[in-house]
């Protein structure tokens, strides 16, 4: 007996014991069937969800009514030096969002072209696929998370079988002030699900024209013998269907005689970080190895308390993109020795 049959039998037995009518039982089972078929949790009401996530109904109601009070705001620097505002949910709401992510969202498939925020996929897959190509085109989606509409996310839950009331509740638990918050654990995977049809339509064109295509969050990459204007026109058309726009200022068409950069990674012959970043790391390692870590920290007036760990992270990132880099493998070994003795 499979889980679906077991659920149906147990539910029917319990409902009859509590005096519910056959009509009511059939109505409940009709609602439960498509969810069970997709291995999704059957949830009938806010009271039911409360029992599953371990938080009171009153807490859930407050979290959706006073959303801005359930997040903390902080800023991080972007690659261009500007600040990006993130909203991180408070621990209890974060726990509820993680439950939604693990029990519902991760059970839904995203397109194979989505390389960010998907378990076992990485930025390396997004970039290495485009190496050694005549033309590389990168496009960027404008205000990506902020532009994803509440109604689209509400419909996402409704389309997989949840009632309108539950779909509305799930969407509200994942939103902050009518925006999908950057910093919530559910936002990245939701964005991939919202763009699933977009990825499919764009990939159809690419397969027909023998063009490579991947998407890393809001960064789109195309490579091959391509027509940039034709692709831009298609992308704008497909984005408009879901209320999103192209960031025209970030469009880049790159030829083989110039650095072809995708999401900060050079892909001309092989995937690797730009020379400027690698040289900066080489300089840091040169001074540490020749004059000692303490001397280097003093000379550069380094303020980071976890500087060694920070440096190790940068070296590991180089090796994540290009694991065969012998020079940076040696740097990693050296830093590991320093870390052990510190």
C-alpha atoms as a PDB file:
ATOM      1  CA  UNK A   1       0.000   0.000   0.000  1.00  0.00           C
ATOM      2  CA  UNK A   2       1.503   3.358  -1.025  1.00  0.00           C
ATOM      3  CA  UNK A   3       1.434   6.552   1.050  1.00  0.00           C
ATOM      4  CA  UNK A   4      -1.459   7.983  -0.936  1.00  0.00           C
ATOM      5  CA  UNK A   5      -3.714   4.973  -0.327  1.00  0.00           C
ATOM      6  CA  UNK A   6      -2.666   4.856   3.332  1.00  0.00           C
ATOM      7  CA  UNK A   7      -3.564   8.532   3.790  1.00  0.00           C
ATOM      8  CA  UNK A   8      -6.957   8.115   2.109  1.00  0.00           C
ATOM      9  CA  UNK A   9      -7.857   5.124   4.278  1.00  0.00           C
ATOM     10  CA  UNK A  10      -6.723   6.707   7.543  1.00  0.00           C
ATOM     11  CA  UNK A  11      -8.428  10.008   6.760  1.00  0.00           C
ATOM     12  CA  UNK A  12     -11.717   8.283   5.885  1.00  0.00           C
ATOM     13  CA  UNK A  13     -11.602   6.181   9.069  1.00  0.00           C
ATOM     14  CA  UNK A  14     -10.901   9.161  11.350  1.00  0.00           C
ATOM     15  CA  UNK A  15     -13.474  11.378   9.622  1.00  0.00           C
ATOM     16  CA  UNK A  16     -16.205   8.732   9.996  1.00  0.00           C
ATOM     17  CA  UNK A  17     -15.296   8.269  13.678  1.00  0.00           C
ATOM     18  CA  UNK A  18     -15.834  12.020  14.173  1.00  0.00           C
ATOM     19  CA  UNK A  19     -19.197  11.923  12.430  1.00  0.00           C
ATOM     20  CA  UNK A  20     -18.351  13.732   9.194  1.00  0.00           C
ATOM     21  CA  UNK A  21     -20.599  13.073   6.217  1.00  0.00           C
ATOM     22  CA  UNK A  22     -19.542  11.099   3.136  1.00  0.00           C
ATOM     23  CA  UNK A  23     -20.001  14.262   1.058  1.00  0.00           C
ATOM     24  CA  UNK A  24     -17.558  16.186   3.273  1.00  0.00           C
ATOM     25  CA  UNK A  25     -15.057  13.292   3.259  1.00  0.00           C
ATOM     26  CA  UNK A  26     -15.179  13.017  -0.541  1.00  0.00           C
ATOM     27  CA  UNK A  27     -14.662  16.771  -0.852  1.00  0.00           C
ATOM     28  CA  UNK A  28     -11.566  16.600   1.374  1.00  0.00           C
ATOM     29  CA  UNK A  29     -10.146  13.591  -0.451  1.00  0.00           C
ATOM     30  CA  UNK A  30     -10.729  15.232  -3.813  1.00  0.00           C
ATOM     31  CA  UNK A  31      -8.634  18.184  -2.577  1.00  0.00           C
ATOM     32  CA  UNK A  32      -5.942  15.884  -1.125  1.00  0.00           C
ATOM     33  CA  UNK A  33      -5.450  13.622  -4.173  1.00  0.00           C
ATOM     34  CA  UNK A  34      -3.419  15.919  -6.477  1.00  0.00           C
ATOM     35  CA  UNK A  35      -1.201  16.998  -3.561  1.00  0.00           C
ATOM     36  CA  UNK A  36      -0.530  13.393  -2.561  1.00  0.00           C
ATOM     37  CA  UNK A  37       0.252  12.463  -6.162  1.00  0.00           C
ATOM     38  CA  UNK A  38       2.972  15.129  -6.183  1.00  0.00           C
ATOM     39  CA  UNK A  39       4.292  14.081  -2.766  1.00  0.00           C
ATOM     40  CA  UNK A  40       3.193  17.406  -1.259  1.00  0.00           C
ATOM     41  CA  UNK A  41       1.808  17.851   2.268  1.00  0.00           C
ATOM     42  CA  UNK A  42      -1.980  18.056   2.435  1.00  0.00           C
ATOM     43  CA  UNK A  43      -2.911  21.246   4.314  1.00  0.00           C
ATOM     44  CA  UNK A  44      -6.538  22.257   4.733  1.00  0.00           C
ATOM     45  CA  UNK A  45      -6.360  25.386   6.881  1.00  0.00           C
ATOM     46  CA  UNK A  46      -4.214  27.792   8.884  1.00  0.00           C
ATOM     47  CA  UNK A  47      -4.915  25.645  11.966  1.00  0.00           C
ATOM     48  CA  UNK A  48      -3.590  22.603  10.115  1.00  0.00           C
ATOM     49  CA  UNK A  49      -0.452  24.494   9.002  1.00  0.00           C
ATOM     50  CA  UNK A  50       0.058  25.717  12.561  1.00  0.00           C
ATOM     51  CA  UNK A  51       0.302  22.127  13.795  1.00  0.00           C
ATOM     52  CA  UNK A  52       2.763  21.180  11.037  1.00  0.00           C
ATOM     53  CA  UNK A  53       5.187  24.087  11.501  1.00  0.00           C
ATOM     54  CA  UNK A  54       4.902  24.219  15.291  1.00  0.00           C
ATOM     55  CA  UNK A  55       3.805  27.857  15.608  1.00  0.00           C
ATOM     56  CA  UNK A  56       0.475  29.147  16.877  1.00  0.00           C
ATOM     57  CA  UNK A  57      -2.283  30.407  14.600  1.00  0.00           C
ATOM     58  CA  UNK A  58      -1.973  33.846  16.222  1.00  0.00           C
ATOM     59  CA  UNK A  59       1.761  33.944  15.339  1.00  0.00           C
ATOM     60  CA  UNK A  60       1.042  33.042  11.696  1.00  0.00           C
ATOM     61  CA  UNK A  61      -1.648  35.729  11.505  1.00  0.00           C
ATOM     62  CA  UNK A  62       0.678  38.371  12.968  1.00  0.00           C
ATOM     63  CA  UNK A  63       3.472  37.368  10.587  1.00  0.00           C
ATOM     64  CA  UNK A  64       1.296  37.976   7.527  1.00  0.00           C
ATOM     65  CA  UNK A  65      -0.462  41.096   8.879  1.00  0.00           C
ATOM     66  CA  UNK A  66       2.599  42.964  10.162  1.00  0.00           C
ATOM     67  CA  UNK A  67       5.201  41.671   7.721  1.00  0.00           C
ATOM     68  CA  UNK A  68       7.799  44.454   8.027  1.00  0.00           C
ATOM     69  CA  UNK A  69       8.227  43.825  11.766  1.00  0.00           C
ATOM     70  CA  UNK A  70       9.259  40.227  11.123  1.00  0.00           C
ATOM     71  CA  UNK A  71      12.415  41.116   9.149  1.00  0.00           C
ATOM     72  CA  UNK A  72      15.700  42.796   9.963  1.00  0.00           C
ATOM     73  CA  UNK A  73      17.235  45.111   7.374  1.00  0.00           C
ATOM     74  CA  UNK A  74      20.917  45.222   6.455  1.00  0.00           C
ATOM     75  CA  UNK A  75      23.079  46.207   3.492  1.00  0.00           C
ATOM     76  CA  UNK A  76      25.813  44.476   1.519  1.00  0.00           C
ATOM     77  CA  UNK A  77      28.127  45.868  -1.154  1.00  0.00           C
ATOM     78  CA  UNK A  78      27.513  44.825  -4.754  1.00  0.00           C
ATOM     79  CA  UNK A  79      30.303  44.183  -7.284  1.00  0.00           C
ATOM     80  CA  UNK A  80      29.853  47.720  -8.637  1.00  0.00           C
ATOM     81  CA  UNK A  81      30.462  49.218  -5.184  1.00  0.00           C
ATOM     82  CA  UNK A  82      26.847  50.203  -4.585  1.00  0.00           C
ATOM     83  CA  UNK A  83      24.839  48.891  -1.635  1.00  0.00           C
ATOM     84  CA  UNK A  84      22.077  46.292  -1.827  1.00  0.00           C
ATOM     85  CA  UNK A  85      19.404  46.151   0.883  1.00  0.00           C
ATOM     86  CA  UNK A  86      18.557  42.690   2.196  1.00  0.00           C
ATOM     87  CA  UNK A  87      15.703  41.708   4.492  1.00  0.00           C
ATOM     88  CA  UNK A  88      16.343  38.670   6.658  1.00  0.00           C
ATOM     89  CA  UNK A  89      13.328  37.086   8.380  1.00  0.00           C
ATOM     90  CA  UNK A  90      13.427  36.766  12.161  1.00  0.00           C
ATOM     91  CA  UNK A  91      14.375  33.242  13.337  1.00  0.00           C
ATOM     92  CA  UNK A  92      10.801  31.966  13.873  1.00  0.00           C
ATOM     93  CA  UNK A  93       9.510  33.172  10.497  1.00  0.00           C
ATOM     94  CA  UNK A  94      12.699  31.883   8.867  1.00  0.00           C
ATOM     95  CA  UNK A  95      11.996  28.447  10.331  1.00  0.00           C
ATOM     96  CA  UNK A  96       8.478  28.508   8.822  1.00  0.00           C
ATOM     97  CA  UNK A  97       9.871  29.610   5.444  1.00  0.00           C
ATOM     98  CA  UNK A  98      12.448  26.826   5.538  1.00  0.00           C
ATOM     99  CA  UNK A  99       9.616  24.353   6.177  1.00  0.00           C
ATOM    100  CA  UNK A 100       7.772  25.698   3.099  1.00  0.00           C
ATOM    101  CA  UNK A 101      11.008  25.463   1.097  1.00  0.00           C
ATOM    102  CA  UNK A 102      11.843  21.880   2.121  1.00  0.00           C
ATOM    103  CA  UNK A 103       8.355  20.388   2.226  1.00  0.00           C
ATOM    104  CA  UNK A 104       6.787  22.149  -0.769  1.00  0.00           C
ATOM    105  CA  UNK A 105       9.039  24.230  -3.026  1.00  0.00           C
ATOM    106  CA  UNK A 106      11.998  21.837  -3.345  1.00  0.00           C
ATOM    107  CA  UNK A 107       9.574  19.141  -4.502  1.00  0.00           C
ATOM    108  CA  UNK A 108       8.762  21.216  -7.579  1.00  0.00           C
ATOM    109  CA  UNK A 109      11.150  21.024 -10.537  1.00  0.00           C
ATOM    110  CA  UNK A 110      12.802  24.089 -12.010  1.00  0.00           C
ATOM    111  CA  UNK A 111      14.190  24.226 -15.546  1.00  0.00           C
ATOM    112  CA  UNK A 112      17.568  22.661 -16.285  1.00  0.00           C
ATOM    113  CA  UNK A 113      18.756  26.070 -17.499  1.00  0.00           C
ATOM    114  CA  UNK A 114      18.462  27.594 -14.004  1.00  0.00           C
ATOM    115  CA  UNK A 115      21.880  27.288 -12.332  1.00  0.00           C
ATOM    116  CA  UNK A 116      21.467  29.425  -9.191  1.00  0.00           C
ATOM    117  CA  UNK A 117      19.810  28.460  -5.889  1.00  0.00           C
ATOM    118  CA  UNK A 118      19.286  24.840  -6.952  1.00  0.00           C
ATOM    119  CA  UNK A 119      20.851  22.036  -4.872  1.00  0.00           C
ATOM    120  CA  UNK A 120      23.854  20.465  -6.676  1.00  0.00           C
ATOM    121  CA  UNK A 121      24.031  23.251  -9.282  1.00  0.00           C
ATOM    122  CA  UNK A 122      26.550  26.090  -9.225  1.00  0.00           C
ATOM    123  CA  UNK A 123      27.916  29.188 -10.919  1.00  0.00           C
ATOM    124  CA  UNK A 124      30.571  26.947 -12.463  1.00  0.00           C
ATOM    125  CA  UNK A 125      27.895  25.129 -14.498  1.00  0.00           C
ATOM    126  CA  UNK A 126      26.538  28.502 -15.598  1.00  0.00           C
ATOM    127  CA  UNK A 127      29.915  29.670 -16.919  1.00  0.00           C
ATOM    128  CA  UNK A 128      31.891  26.618 -18.099  1.00  0.00           C
ATOM    129  CA  UNK A 129      29.133  25.779 -20.586  1.00  0.00           C
ATOM    130  CA  UNK A 130      29.964  28.956 -22.561  1.00  0.00           C
ATOM    131  CA  UNK A 131      33.753  28.577 -22.937  1.00  0.00           C
ATOM    132  CA  UNK A 132      35.493  28.876 -26.294  1.00  0.00           C
ATOM    133  CA  UNK A 133      32.542  30.361 -28.223  1.00  0.00           C
ATOM    134  CA  UNK A 134      32.642  33.012 -30.999  1.00  0.00           C
ATOM    135  CA  UNK A 135      30.138  35.338 -29.324  1.00  0.00           C
ATOM    136  CA  UNK A 136      28.923  35.671 -25.727  1.00  0.00           C
ATOM    137  CA  UNK A 137      25.850  37.725 -24.864  1.00  0.00           C
ATOM    138  CA  UNK A 138      24.851  38.549 -21.287  1.00  0.00           C
ATOM    139  CA  UNK A 139      21.541  40.108 -20.284  1.00  0.00           C
ATOM    140  CA  UNK A 140      20.237  41.183 -16.884  1.00  0.00           C
ATOM    141  CA  UNK A 141      16.705  41.245 -15.486  1.00  0.00           C
ATOM    142  CA  UNK A 142      15.814  44.606 -13.937  1.00  0.00           C
ATOM    143  CA  UNK A 143      15.062  44.671 -10.171  1.00  0.00           C
ATOM    144  CA  UNK A 144      14.595  40.922 -10.237  1.00  0.00           C
ATOM    145  CA  UNK A 145      13.237  39.962  -6.798  1.00  0.00           C
ATOM    146  CA  UNK A 146      11.355  43.225  -6.261  1.00  0.00           C
ATOM    147  CA  UNK A 147       9.484  42.829  -9.562  1.00  0.00           C
ATOM    148  CA  UNK A 148       8.111  39.326  -8.940  1.00  0.00           C
ATOM    149  CA  UNK A 149       4.411  39.816  -8.324  1.00  0.00           C
ATOM    150  CA  UNK A 150       2.527  38.548  -5.274  1.00  0.00           C
ATOM    151  CA  UNK A 151      -0.241  37.235  -7.557  1.00  0.00           C
ATOM    152  CA  UNK A 152       2.285  35.122  -9.495  1.00  0.00           C
ATOM    153  CA  UNK A 153       3.515  33.437  -6.311  1.00  0.00           C
ATOM    154  CA  UNK A 154      -0.028  32.978  -5.010  1.00  0.00           C
ATOM    155  CA  UNK A 155      -0.951  31.303  -8.318  1.00  0.00           C
ATOM    156  CA  UNK A 156       2.172  29.103  -8.086  1.00  0.00           C
ATOM    157  CA  UNK A 157       0.829  27.492  -4.886  1.00  0.00           C
ATOM    158  CA  UNK A 158      -2.690  27.330  -6.309  1.00  0.00           C
ATOM    159  CA  UNK A 159      -1.488  25.636  -9.519  1.00  0.00           C
ATOM    160  CA  UNK A 160       0.038  22.724  -7.589  1.00  0.00           C
ATOM    161  CA  UNK A 161      -3.216  21.972  -5.790  1.00  0.00           C
ATOM    162  CA  UNK A 162      -3.568  24.189  -2.719  1.00  0.00           C
ATOM    163  CA  UNK A 163      -6.822  26.046  -2.033  1.00  0.00           C
ATOM    164  CA  UNK A 164      -7.026  29.765  -2.778  1.00  0.00           C
ATOM    165  CA  UNK A 165      -7.010  30.516   0.949  1.00  0.00           C
ATOM    166  CA  UNK A 166      -3.913  28.392   1.628  1.00  0.00           C
ATOM    167  CA  UNK A 167      -2.151  29.710  -1.501  1.00  0.00           C
ATOM    168  CA  UNK A 168      -2.753  33.244  -0.282  1.00  0.00           C
ATOM    169  CA  UNK A 169      -1.370  32.369   3.156  1.00  0.00           C
ATOM    170  CA  UNK A 170       1.775  30.687   1.750  1.00  0.00           C
ATOM    171  CA  UNK A 171       2.460  33.670  -0.511  1.00  0.00           C
ATOM    172  CA  UNK A 172       2.027  36.122   2.381  1.00  0.00           C
ATOM    173  CA  UNK A 173       4.431  34.099   4.537  1.00  0.00           C
ATOM    174  CA  UNK A 174       7.029  34.444   1.754  1.00  0.00           C
ATOM    175  CA  UNK A 175       6.512  38.163   1.043  1.00  0.00           C
ATOM    176  CA  UNK A 176       7.432  41.382   2.832  1.00  0.00           C
ATOM    177  CA  UNK A 177       5.416  44.537   2.086  1.00  0.00           C
ATOM    178  CA  UNK A 178       4.300  43.152  -1.294  1.00  0.00           C
ATOM    179  CA  UNK A 179       7.879  42.344  -2.355  1.00  0.00           C
ATOM    180  CA  UNK A 180       9.754  39.060  -2.505  1.00  0.00           C
ATOM    181  CA  UNK A 181      12.491  39.817   0.048  1.00  0.00           C
ATOM    182  CA  UNK A 182      16.120  39.252  -0.816  1.00  0.00           C
ATOM    183  CA  UNK A 183      17.326  37.493   2.305  1.00  0.00           C
ATOM    184  CA  UNK A 184      14.391  35.107   2.805  1.00  0.00           C
ATOM    185  CA  UNK A 185      15.312  31.441   2.174  1.00  0.00           C
ATOM    186  CA  UNK A 186      12.224  30.885   0.010  1.00  0.00           C
ATOM    187  CA  UNK A 187      12.785  33.798  -2.409  1.00  0.00           C
ATOM    188  CA  UNK A 188      15.541  32.325  -4.627  1.00  0.00           C
ATOM    189  CA  UNK A 189      13.777  29.046  -5.390  1.00  0.00           C
ATOM    190  CA  UNK A 190      10.443  30.825  -5.880  1.00  0.00           C
ATOM    191  CA  UNK A 191      12.119  33.053  -8.483  1.00  0.00           C
ATOM    192  CA  UNK A 192      13.320  29.966 -10.363  1.00  0.00           C
ATOM    193  CA  UNK A 193       9.826  28.470 -10.349  1.00  0.00           C
ATOM    194  CA  UNK A 194       8.272  31.731 -11.575  1.00  0.00           C
ATOM    195  CA  UNK A 195      10.763  31.793 -14.476  1.00  0.00           C
ATOM    196  CA  UNK A 196      10.328  28.131 -15.431  1.00  0.00           C
ATOM    197  CA  UNK A 197       8.070  28.849 -18.443  1.00  0.00           C
ATOM    198  CA  UNK A 198      10.341  31.752 -19.442  1.00  0.00           C
ATOM    199  CA  UNK A 199      13.369  29.424 -19.432  1.00  0.00           C
ATOM    200  CA  UNK A 200      11.468  26.877 -21.518  1.00  0.00           C
ATOM    201  CA  UNK A 201      10.394  29.361 -24.199  1.00  0.00           C
ATOM    202  CA  UNK A 202      13.852  30.932 -24.489  1.00  0.00           C
ATOM    203  CA  UNK A 203      15.504  27.496 -24.643  1.00  0.00           C
ATOM    204  CA  UNK A 204      13.253  26.432 -27.548  1.00  0.00           C
ATOM    205  CA  UNK A 205      14.606  29.306 -29.641  1.00  0.00           C
ATOM    206  CA  UNK A 206      18.182  28.538 -28.544  1.00  0.00           C
ATOM    207  CA  UNK A 207      17.976  24.841 -29.386  1.00  0.00           C
ATOM    208  CA  UNK A 208      16.499  25.635 -32.804  1.00  0.00           C
ATOM    209  CA  UNK A 209      19.359  28.085 -33.521  1.00  0.00           C
ATOM    210  CA  UNK A 210      22.155  26.022 -31.894  1.00  0.00           C
ATOM    211  CA  UNK A 211      22.795  28.628 -29.205  1.00  0.00           C
ATOM    212  CA  UNK A 212      23.863  27.823 -25.640  1.00  0.00           C
ATOM    213  CA  UNK A 213      21.739  29.323 -22.855  1.00  0.00           C
ATOM    214  CA  UNK A 214      21.862  29.337 -19.048  1.00  0.00           C
ATOM    215  CA  UNK A 215      20.422  31.567 -16.337  1.00  0.00           C
ATOM    216  CA  UNK A 216      22.000  32.375 -12.980  1.00  0.00           C
ATOM    217  CA  UNK A 217      19.229  34.188 -11.048  1.00  0.00           C
ATOM    218  CA  UNK A 218      18.820  37.453 -12.988  1.00  0.00           C
ATOM    219  CA  UNK A 219      21.918  36.934 -15.171  1.00  0.00           C
ATOM    220  CA  UNK A 220      21.190  35.422 -18.591  1.00  0.00           C
ATOM    221  CA  UNK A 221      24.027  34.039 -20.713  1.00  0.00           C
ATOM    222  CA  UNK A 222      23.959  33.074 -24.401  1.00  0.00           C
ATOM    223  CA  UNK A 223      26.848  31.904 -26.589  1.00  0.00           C
ATOM    224  CA  UNK A 224      27.539  30.709 -30.133  1.00  0.00           C
ATOM    225  CA  UNK A 225      26.879  32.233 -33.546  1.00  0.00           C
ATOM    226  CA  UNK A 226      24.012  34.348 -32.295  1.00  0.00           C
ATOM    227  CA  UNK A 227      21.864  37.297 -33.276  1.00  0.00           C
ATOM    228  CA  UNK A 228      21.949  39.586 -30.222  1.00  0.00           C
ATOM    229  CA  UNK A 229      19.044  41.801 -31.245  1.00  0.00           C
ATOM    230  CA  UNK A 230      16.817  38.827 -31.994  1.00  0.00           C
ATOM    231  CA  UNK A 231      17.562  37.296 -28.574  1.00  0.00           C
ATOM    232  CA  UNK A 232      16.943  40.605 -26.789  1.00  0.00           C
ATOM    233  CA  UNK A 233      13.586  40.962 -28.524  1.00  0.00           C
ATOM    234  CA  UNK A 234      12.569  37.421 -27.522  1.00  0.00           C
ATOM    235  CA  UNK A 235      13.723  37.866 -23.895  1.00  0.00           C
ATOM    236  CA  UNK A 236      11.861  41.175 -23.511  1.00  0.00           C
ATOM    237  CA  UNK A 237       8.688  39.594 -24.905  1.00  0.00           C
ATOM    238  CA  UNK A 238       8.862  36.559 -22.581  1.00  0.00           C
ATOM    239  CA  UNK A 239       9.746  38.652 -19.513  1.00  0.00           C
ATOM    240  CA  UNK A 240       6.784  40.968 -20.131  1.00  0.00           C
ATOM    241  CA  UNK A 241       4.451  37.961 -19.779  1.00  0.00           C
ATOM    242  CA  UNK A 242       5.417  37.700 -16.105  1.00  0.00           C
ATOM    243  CA  UNK A 243       5.722  41.429 -15.427  1.00  0.00           C
ATOM    244  CA  UNK A 244       9.519  41.616 -15.611  1.00  0.00           C
ATOM    245  CA  UNK A 245      11.816  43.881 -17.637  1.00  0.00           C
ATOM    246  CA  UNK A 246      15.253  43.735 -19.180  1.00  0.00           C
ATOM    247  CA  UNK A 247      17.955  46.004 -17.742  1.00  0.00           C
ATOM    248  CA  UNK A 248      19.121  47.490 -21.048  1.00  0.00           C
ATOM    249  CA  UNK A 249      22.201  49.162 -19.494  1.00  0.00           C
ATOM    250  CA  UNK A 250      23.719  45.793 -18.535  1.00  0.00           C
ATOM    251  CA  UNK A 251      23.503  44.180 -21.990  1.00  0.00           C
ATOM    252  CA  UNK A 252      26.956  43.019 -23.178  1.00  0.00           C
ATOM    253  CA  UNK A 253      27.962  41.352 -26.447  1.00  0.00           C
ATOM    254  CA  UNK A 254      31.538  40.027 -26.249  1.00  0.00           C
ATOM    255  CA  UNK A 255      33.819  38.782 -29.040  1.00  0.00           C
ATOM    256  CA  UNK A 256      36.811  36.387 -28.746  1.00  0.00           C
ATOM    257  CA  UNK A 257      39.360  39.255 -28.964  1.00  0.00           C
ATOM    258  CA  UNK A 258      38.076  40.739 -25.678  1.00  0.00           C
ATOM    259  CA  UNK A 259      37.424  39.283 -22.206  1.00  0.00           C
ATOM    260  CA  UNK A 260      34.163  37.335 -22.368  1.00  0.00           C
ATOM    261  CA  UNK A 261      32.832  37.667 -18.830  1.00  0.00           C
ATOM    262  CA  UNK A 262      29.750  35.906 -17.423  1.00  0.00           C
ATOM    263  CA  UNK A 263      28.708  36.662 -13.826  1.00  0.00           C
ATOM    264  CA  UNK A 264      32.213  37.935 -13.065  1.00  0.00           C
ATOM    265  CA  UNK A 265      33.998  34.909 -14.596  1.00  0.00           C
ATOM    266  CA  UNK A 266      36.117  34.915 -17.777  1.00  0.00           C
ATOM    267  CA  UNK A 267      35.083  32.154 -20.231  1.00  0.00           C
ATOM    268  CA  UNK A 268      37.204  32.793 -23.362  1.00  0.00           C
ATOM    269  CA  UNK A 269      39.230  29.551 -23.362  1.00  0.00           C
ATOM    270  CA  UNK A 270      38.475  28.176 -19.926  1.00  0.00           C
ATOM    271  CA  UNK A 271      36.426  29.363 -16.954  1.00  0.00           C
ATOM    272  CA  UNK A 272      38.499  31.399 -14.490  1.00  0.00           C
ATOM    273  CA  UNK A 273      38.332  34.594 -12.449  1.00  0.00           C
ATOM    274  CA  UNK A 274      39.593  37.772 -14.136  1.00  0.00           C
ATOM    275  CA  UNK A 275      43.371  38.380 -14.133  1.00  0.00           C
ATOM    276  CA  UNK A 276      42.986  41.469 -11.913  1.00  0.00           C
ATOM    277  CA  UNK A 277      41.421  39.405  -9.091  1.00  0.00           C
ATOM    278  CA  UNK A 278      43.939  36.551  -9.419  1.00  0.00           C
ATOM    279  CA  UNK A 279      46.884  38.991  -9.439  1.00  0.00           C
ATOM    280  CA  UNK A 280      45.550  40.728  -6.331  1.00  0.00           C
ATOM    281  CA  UNK A 281      45.426  37.362  -4.544  1.00  0.00           C
ATOM    282  CA  UNK A 282      48.922  36.513  -5.790  1.00  0.00           C
ATOM    283  CA  UNK A 283      50.232  39.758  -4.286  1.00  0.00           C
ATOM    284  CA  UNK A 284      48.613  39.029  -0.921  1.00  0.00           C
ATOM    285  CA  UNK A 285      50.056  35.506  -0.886  1.00  0.00           C
ATOM    286  CA  UNK A 286      53.521  36.813  -1.892  1.00  0.00           C
ATOM    287  CA  UNK A 287      53.689  39.208   1.084  1.00  0.00           C
ATOM    288  CA  UNK A 288      52.297  36.653   3.546  1.00  0.00           C
ATOM    289  CA  UNK A 289      54.776  33.973   2.464  1.00  0.00           C
ATOM    290  CA  UNK A 290      57.778  36.316   2.417  1.00  0.00           C
ATOM    291  CA  UNK A 291      57.107  38.604   5.379  1.00  0.00           C
ATOM    292  CA  UNK A 292      54.674  36.608   7.523  1.00  0.00           C
ATOM    293  CA  UNK A 293      50.956  36.895   8.157  1.00  0.00           C
ATOM    294  CA  UNK A 294      51.242  39.290  11.130  1.00  0.00           C
ATOM    295  CA  UNK A 295      53.520  41.659   9.189  1.00  0.00           C
ATOM    296  CA  UNK A 296      51.189  41.642   6.173  1.00  0.00           C
ATOM    297  CA  UNK A 297      48.128  42.390   8.352  1.00  0.00           C
ATOM    298  CA  UNK A 298      49.979  45.288   9.999  1.00  0.00           C
ATOM    299  CA  UNK A 299      51.352  46.651   6.692  1.00  0.00           C
ATOM    300  CA  UNK A 300      47.933  46.631   5.003  1.00  0.00           C
ATOM    301  CA  UNK A 301      46.124  47.861   8.136  1.00  0.00           C
ATOM    302  CA  UNK A 302      43.786  44.890   7.797  1.00  0.00           C
ATOM    303  CA  UNK A 303      40.630  45.300   9.921  1.00  0.00           C
ATOM    304  CA  UNK A 304      38.991  41.918   9.282  1.00  0.00           C
ATOM    305  CA  UNK A 305      39.193  39.789  12.453  1.00  0.00           C
ATOM    306  CA  UNK A 306      38.764  36.630  10.341  1.00  0.00           C
ATOM    307  CA  UNK A 307      41.161  37.743   7.587  1.00  0.00           C
ATOM    308  CA  UNK A 308      42.754  34.292   7.126  1.00  0.00           C
ATOM    309  CA  UNK A 309      39.345  32.676   6.691  1.00  0.00           C
ATOM    310  CA  UNK A 310      38.335  35.455   4.296  1.00  0.00           C
ATOM    311  CA  UNK A 311      41.466  34.892   2.197  1.00  0.00           C
ATOM    312  CA  UNK A 312      40.892  31.133   2.198  1.00  0.00           C
ATOM    313  CA  UNK A 313      37.372  31.752   0.894  1.00  0.00           C
ATOM    314  CA  UNK A 314      38.730  33.756  -2.051  1.00  0.00           C
ATOM    315  CA  UNK A 315      41.306  31.071  -2.906  1.00  0.00           C
ATOM    316  CA  UNK A 316      38.627  28.371  -2.666  1.00  0.00           C
ATOM    317  CA  UNK A 317      36.450  30.362  -5.068  1.00  0.00           C
ATOM    318  CA  UNK A 318      39.274  30.438  -7.634  1.00  0.00           C
ATOM    319  CA  UNK A 319      39.578  26.646  -7.275  1.00  0.00           C
ATOM    320  CA  UNK A 320      35.817  26.136  -7.474  1.00  0.00           C
ATOM    321  CA  UNK A 321      35.875  27.722 -10.924  1.00  0.00           C
ATOM    322  CA  UNK A 322      39.163  26.119 -12.012  1.00  0.00           C
ATOM    323  CA  UNK A 323      40.014  23.080  -9.803  1.00  0.00           C
ATOM    324  CA  UNK A 324      43.164  22.319 -11.861  1.00  0.00           C
ATOM    325  CA  UNK A 325      44.924  25.574 -10.984  1.00  0.00           C
ATOM    326  CA  UNK A 326      48.171  24.200  -9.458  1.00  0.00           C
ATOM    327  CA  UNK A 327      49.330  27.617  -8.226  1.00  0.00           C
ATOM    328  CA  UNK A 328      46.185  28.260  -6.181  1.00  0.00           C
ATOM    329  CA  UNK A 329      46.157  24.678  -4.875  1.00  0.00           C
ATOM    330  CA  UNK A 330      49.539  25.456  -3.290  1.00  0.00           C
ATOM    331  CA  UNK A 331      48.144  28.683  -1.829  1.00  0.00           C
ATOM    332  CA  UNK A 332      45.303  26.715  -0.293  1.00  0.00           C
ATOM    333  CA  UNK A 333      47.705  24.208   1.293  1.00  0.00           C
ATOM    334  CA  UNK A 334      49.826  27.045   2.687  1.00  0.00           C
ATOM    335  CA  UNK A 335      46.800  28.858   4.157  1.00  0.00           C
ATOM    336  CA  UNK A 336      45.540  25.627   5.723  1.00  0.00           C
ATOM    337  CA  UNK A 337      48.887  25.246   7.510  1.00  0.00           C
ATOM    338  CA  UNK A 338      48.701  28.861   8.699  1.00  0.00           C
ATOM    339  CA  UNK A 339      45.147  28.301   9.919  1.00  0.00           C
ATOM    340  CA  UNK A 340      46.192  25.229  11.944  1.00  0.00           C
ATOM    341  CA  UNK A 341      49.039  27.079  13.629  1.00  0.00           C
ATOM    342  CA  UNK A 342      47.099  30.294  14.341  1.00  0.00           C
END
